[in-house]
Amino acid sequence: MNHAAIYSTHPTVKSILDNPDGSVTCYNADREEVALSPALYQAEADRLAALPPPLPTLTARQLRLGLLGLGVTSAQVEAAIAAITDPTAREASRIEWEYAASYERTHSLITMLTPALLPNLTDAAIDAAWTNASAL
């Protein structure tokens, strides 16, 4: 699968899987396969083909080394987590930071802390740094 499930704008189709053979499989909200006209099916396949590939999953080690390469230390991450005002969210973030084995670019901890830790980087720059970290 080249892409995770993609929500469609089609009123019946709720997710689409891009299959390794280049075909797409469409599903409704009940996860039942949806039959589409060939034209609509091709339009959805074309839409998926135009998407960029998903960013790689990073291990905790890769994430920490990638952050260090951007000038962000573990102590700074821990300070940002300590600054979270909601005690439940703070503890959940601390657990995620200490114990998560891997991270997706859209991981809640990443999206929550990125503005505080890397305020001057664009999303594109963060995506590039993420991709670079996957090689560490």
C-alpha atoms as a PDB file:
ATOM      1  CA  MET A   1       0.000   0.000   0.000  1.00  0.00           C
ATOM      2  CA  ASN A   2       1.565   3.282  -1.078  1.00  0.00           C
ATOM      3  CA  HIS A   3      -0.778   5.510   0.902  1.00  0.00           C
ATOM      4  CA  ALA A   4      -2.776   5.212   4.076  1.00  0.00           C
ATOM      5  CA  ALA A   5      -6.560   5.294   3.765  1.00  0.00           C
ATOM      6  CA  ILE A   6      -7.591   8.537   2.074  1.00  0.00           C
ATOM      7  CA  TYR A   7     -10.967  10.057   2.747  1.00  0.00           C
ATOM      8  CA  SER A   8     -12.745  10.812  -0.462  1.00  0.00           C
ATOM      9  CA  THR A   9     -14.994  13.679  -1.342  1.00  0.00           C
ATOM     10  CA  HIS A  10     -17.333  11.204  -3.012  1.00  0.00           C
ATOM     11  CA  PRO A  11     -20.598  10.994  -0.969  1.00  0.00           C
ATOM     12  CA  THR A  12     -20.525   7.190  -0.685  1.00  0.00           C
ATOM     13  CA  VAL A  13     -16.824   6.457  -0.604  1.00  0.00           C
ATOM     14  CA  LYS A  14     -15.331   7.033   2.833  1.00  0.00           C
ATOM     15  CA  SER A  15     -11.856   5.612   2.289  1.00  0.00           C
ATOM     16  CA  ILE A  16      -9.682   4.519  -0.569  1.00  0.00           C
ATOM     17  CA  LEU A  17      -6.695   2.238  -0.502  1.00  0.00           C
ATOM     18  CA  ASP A  18      -4.002   2.544  -3.115  1.00  0.00           C
ATOM     19  CA  ASN A  19      -2.996  -1.040  -3.846  1.00  0.00           C
ATOM     20  CA  PRO A  20       0.543  -2.110  -4.798  1.00  0.00           C
ATOM     21  CA  ASP A  21      -0.622  -3.073  -8.298  1.00  0.00           C
ATOM     22  CA  GLY A  22      -1.805   0.488  -8.950  1.00  0.00           C
ATOM     23  CA  SER A  23      -5.516  -0.234  -8.544  1.00  0.00           C
ATOM     24  CA  VAL A  24      -7.633   1.383  -5.862  1.00  0.00           C
ATOM     25  CA  THR A  25     -10.137  -0.201  -3.528  1.00  0.00           C
ATOM     26  CA  CYS A  26     -12.982   1.999  -2.286  1.00  0.00           C
ATOM     27  CA  TYR A  27     -14.956   1.480   0.920  1.00  0.00           C
ATOM     28  CA  ASN A  28     -18.049   2.978   2.497  1.00  0.00           C
ATOM     29  CA  ALA A  29     -18.442   3.894   6.181  1.00  0.00           C
ATOM     30  CA  ASP A  30     -19.251   0.251   7.015  1.00  0.00           C
ATOM     31  CA  ARG A  31     -15.964  -0.871   5.392  1.00  0.00           C
ATOM     32  CA  GLU A  32     -17.878  -2.526   2.557  1.00  0.00           C
ATOM     33  CA  GLU A  33     -16.316  -2.333  -0.880  1.00  0.00           C
ATOM     34  CA  VAL A  34     -18.038   0.265  -3.067  1.00  0.00           C
ATOM     35  CA  ALA A  35     -18.492  -0.283  -6.797  1.00  0.00           C
ATOM     36  CA  LEU A  36     -17.757   2.856  -8.793  1.00  0.00           C
ATOM     37  CA  SER A  37     -18.174   3.670 -12.434  1.00  0.00           C
ATOM     38  CA  PRO A  38     -14.923   3.216 -14.355  1.00  0.00           C
ATOM     39  CA  ALA A  39     -14.619   6.989 -14.835  1.00  0.00           C
ATOM     40  CA  LEU A  40     -15.033   7.782 -11.140  1.00  0.00           C
ATOM     41  CA  TYR A  41     -12.797   4.882 -10.179  1.00  0.00           C
ATOM     42  CA  GLN A  42     -10.097   6.223 -12.516  1.00  0.00           C
ATOM     43  CA  ALA A  43     -10.543   9.740 -11.147  1.00  0.00           C
ATOM     44  CA  GLU A  44      -9.948   8.444  -7.613  1.00  0.00           C
ATOM     45  CA  ALA A  45      -6.942   6.418  -8.787  1.00  0.00           C
ATOM     46  CA  ASP A  46      -5.526   9.536 -10.493  1.00  0.00           C
ATOM     47  CA  ARG A  47      -6.096  11.586  -7.334  1.00  0.00           C
ATOM     48  CA  LEU A  48      -4.186   9.037  -5.264  1.00  0.00           C
ATOM     49  CA  ALA A  49      -1.357   8.867  -7.781  1.00  0.00           C
ATOM     50  CA  ALA A  50      -0.879  12.624  -7.482  1.00  0.00           C
ATOM     51  CA  LEU A  51      -0.368  12.478  -3.711  1.00  0.00           C
ATOM     52  CA  PRO A  52       3.177  12.629  -2.382  1.00  0.00           C
ATOM     53  CA  PRO A  53       4.412   9.455  -0.712  1.00  0.00           C
ATOM     54  CA  PRO A  54       3.821   9.336   3.042  1.00  0.00           C
ATOM     55  CA  LEU A  55       6.665  10.359   5.301  1.00  0.00           C
ATOM     56  CA  PRO A  56       8.551   7.498   6.937  1.00  0.00           C
ATOM     57  CA  THR A  57       7.966   6.331  10.486  1.00  0.00           C
ATOM     58  CA  LEU A  58      10.816   7.326  12.788  1.00  0.00           C
ATOM     59  CA  THR A  59      12.169   5.337  15.694  1.00  0.00           C
ATOM     60  CA  ALA A  60      12.565   7.179  19.001  1.00  0.00           C
ATOM     61  CA  ARG A  61      16.326   7.248  18.342  1.00  0.00           C
ATOM     62  CA  GLN A  62      15.908   8.764  14.874  1.00  0.00           C
ATOM     63  CA  LEU A  63      13.486  11.382  16.201  1.00  0.00           C
ATOM     64  CA  ARG A  64      15.804  12.428  19.006  1.00  0.00           C
ATOM     65  CA  LEU A  65      18.869  12.566  16.730  1.00  0.00           C
ATOM     66  CA  GLY A  66      16.878  14.478  14.117  1.00  0.00           C
ATOM     67  CA  LEU A  67      15.793  17.006  16.716  1.00  0.00           C
ATOM     68  CA  LEU A  68      19.364  17.345  17.959  1.00  0.00           C
ATOM     69  CA  GLY A  69      20.450  18.042  14.380  1.00  0.00           C
ATOM     70  CA  LEU A  70      17.941  20.912  14.389  1.00  0.00           C
ATOM     71  CA  GLY A  71      19.355  22.224  17.679  1.00  0.00           C
ATOM     72  CA  VAL A  72      16.602  20.839  19.906  1.00  0.00           C
ATOM     73  CA  THR A  73      17.799  18.851  22.920  1.00  0.00           C
ATOM     74  CA  SER A  74      15.904  16.263  24.924  1.00  0.00           C
ATOM     75  CA  ALA A  75      15.943  18.718  27.838  1.00  0.00           C
ATOM     76  CA  GLN A  76      14.122  21.285  25.682  1.00  0.00           C
ATOM     77  CA  VAL A  77      11.494  18.713  24.721  1.00  0.00           C
ATOM     78  CA  GLU A  78      11.037  17.761  28.363  1.00  0.00           C
ATOM     79  CA  ALA A  79      10.706  21.448  29.322  1.00  0.00           C
ATOM     80  CA  ALA A  80       8.063  21.953  26.624  1.00  0.00           C
ATOM     81  CA  ILE A  81       6.176  18.934  27.950  1.00  0.00           C
ATOM     82  CA  ALA A  82       6.472  20.247  31.536  1.00  0.00           C
ATOM     83  CA  ALA A  83       4.929  23.527  30.346  1.00  0.00           C
ATOM     84  CA  ILE A  84       1.701  21.827  29.237  1.00  0.00           C
ATOM     85  CA  THR A  85      -0.935  23.187  31.598  1.00  0.00           C
ATOM     86  CA  ASP A  86      -3.418  20.312  31.509  1.00  0.00           C
ATOM     87  CA  PRO A  87      -2.071  17.656  33.912  1.00  0.00           C
ATOM     88  CA  THR A  88      -3.553  14.730  31.969  1.00  0.00           C
ATOM     89  CA  ALA A  89      -2.239  15.977  28.635  1.00  0.00           C
ATOM     90  CA  ARG A  90       1.133  16.694  30.239  1.00  0.00           C
ATOM     91  CA  GLU A  91       1.409  13.170  31.660  1.00  0.00           C
ATOM     92  CA  ALA A  92       0.219  11.582  28.403  1.00  0.00           C
ATOM     93  CA  SER A  93       2.837  13.611  26.508  1.00  0.00           C
ATOM     94  CA  ARG A  94       5.536  12.596  28.960  1.00  0.00           C
ATOM     95  CA  ILE A  95       4.607   8.927  28.506  1.00  0.00           C
ATOM     96  CA  GLU A  96       4.618   9.311  24.722  1.00  0.00           C
ATOM     97  CA  TRP A  97       8.044  10.994  24.785  1.00  0.00           C
ATOM     98  CA  GLU A  98       9.589   8.425  27.120  1.00  0.00           C
ATOM     99  CA  TYR A  99       8.009   5.211  25.873  1.00  0.00           C
ATOM    100  CA  ALA A 100       6.821   5.477  22.268  1.00  0.00           C
ATOM    101  CA  ALA A 101       8.925   3.182  20.099  1.00  0.00           C
ATOM    102  CA  SER A 102       8.090   5.003  16.863  1.00  0.00           C
ATOM    103  CA  TYR A 103       6.557   8.221  15.628  1.00  0.00           C
ATOM    104  CA  GLU A 104       4.546   9.229  12.581  1.00  0.00           C
ATOM    105  CA  ARG A 105       4.885  12.813  11.345  1.00  0.00           C
ATOM    106  CA  THR A 106       1.244  13.338  12.381  1.00  0.00           C
ATOM    107  CA  HIS A 107       1.739  11.886  15.885  1.00  0.00           C
ATOM    108  CA  SER A 108      -0.118  14.034  18.428  1.00  0.00           C
ATOM    109  CA  LEU A 109       3.056  14.759  20.417  1.00  0.00           C
ATOM    110  CA  ILE A 110       4.834  15.957  17.285  1.00  0.00           C
ATOM    111  CA  THR A 111       1.997  18.231  16.156  1.00  0.00           C
ATOM    112  CA  MET A 112       1.589  19.645  19.661  1.00  0.00           C
ATOM    113  CA  LEU A 113       5.266  20.391  20.378  1.00  0.00           C
ATOM    114  CA  THR A 114       6.542  21.416  16.932  1.00  0.00           C
ATOM    115  CA  PRO A 115       5.312  25.052  17.121  1.00  0.00           C
ATOM    116  CA  ALA A 116       7.028  25.546  20.500  1.00  0.00           C
ATOM    117  CA  LEU A 117      10.277  23.776  19.605  1.00  0.00           C
ATOM    118  CA  LEU A 118      10.680  24.740  15.941  1.00  0.00           C
ATOM    119  CA  PRO A 119       8.679  27.958  15.511  1.00  0.00           C
ATOM    120  CA  ASN A 120      10.683  29.230  12.531  1.00  0.00           C
ATOM    121  CA  LEU A 121      10.450  26.101  10.385  1.00  0.00           C
ATOM    122  CA  THR A 122       7.804  25.677   7.721  1.00  0.00           C
ATOM    123  CA  ASP A 123       5.902  22.414   7.374  1.00  0.00           C
ATOM    124  CA  ALA A 124       7.950  21.661   4.257  1.00  0.00           C
ATOM    125  CA  ALA A 125      11.214  22.177   6.167  1.00  0.00           C
ATOM    126  CA  ILE A 126       9.988  19.957   8.987  1.00  0.00           C
ATOM    127  CA  ASP A 127       8.963  17.286   6.469  1.00  0.00           C
ATOM    128  CA  ALA A 128      12.438  17.457   4.898  1.00  0.00           C
ATOM    129  CA  ALA A 129      14.101  17.186   8.314  1.00  0.00           C
ATOM    130  CA  TRP A 130      11.806  14.244   9.115  1.00  0.00           C
ATOM    131  CA  THR A 131      12.839  12.468   5.944  1.00  0.00           C
ATOM    132  CA  ASN A 132      16.506  13.153   6.672  1.00  0.00           C
ATOM    133  CA  ALA A 133      16.120  11.770  10.192  1.00  0.00           C
ATOM    134  CA  SER A 134      14.847   8.492   8.751  1.00  0.00           C
ATOM    135  CA  ALA A 135      18.364   7.863   7.419  1.00  0.00           C
ATOM    136  CA  LEU A 136      20.017   8.264  10.829  1.00  0.00           C
END
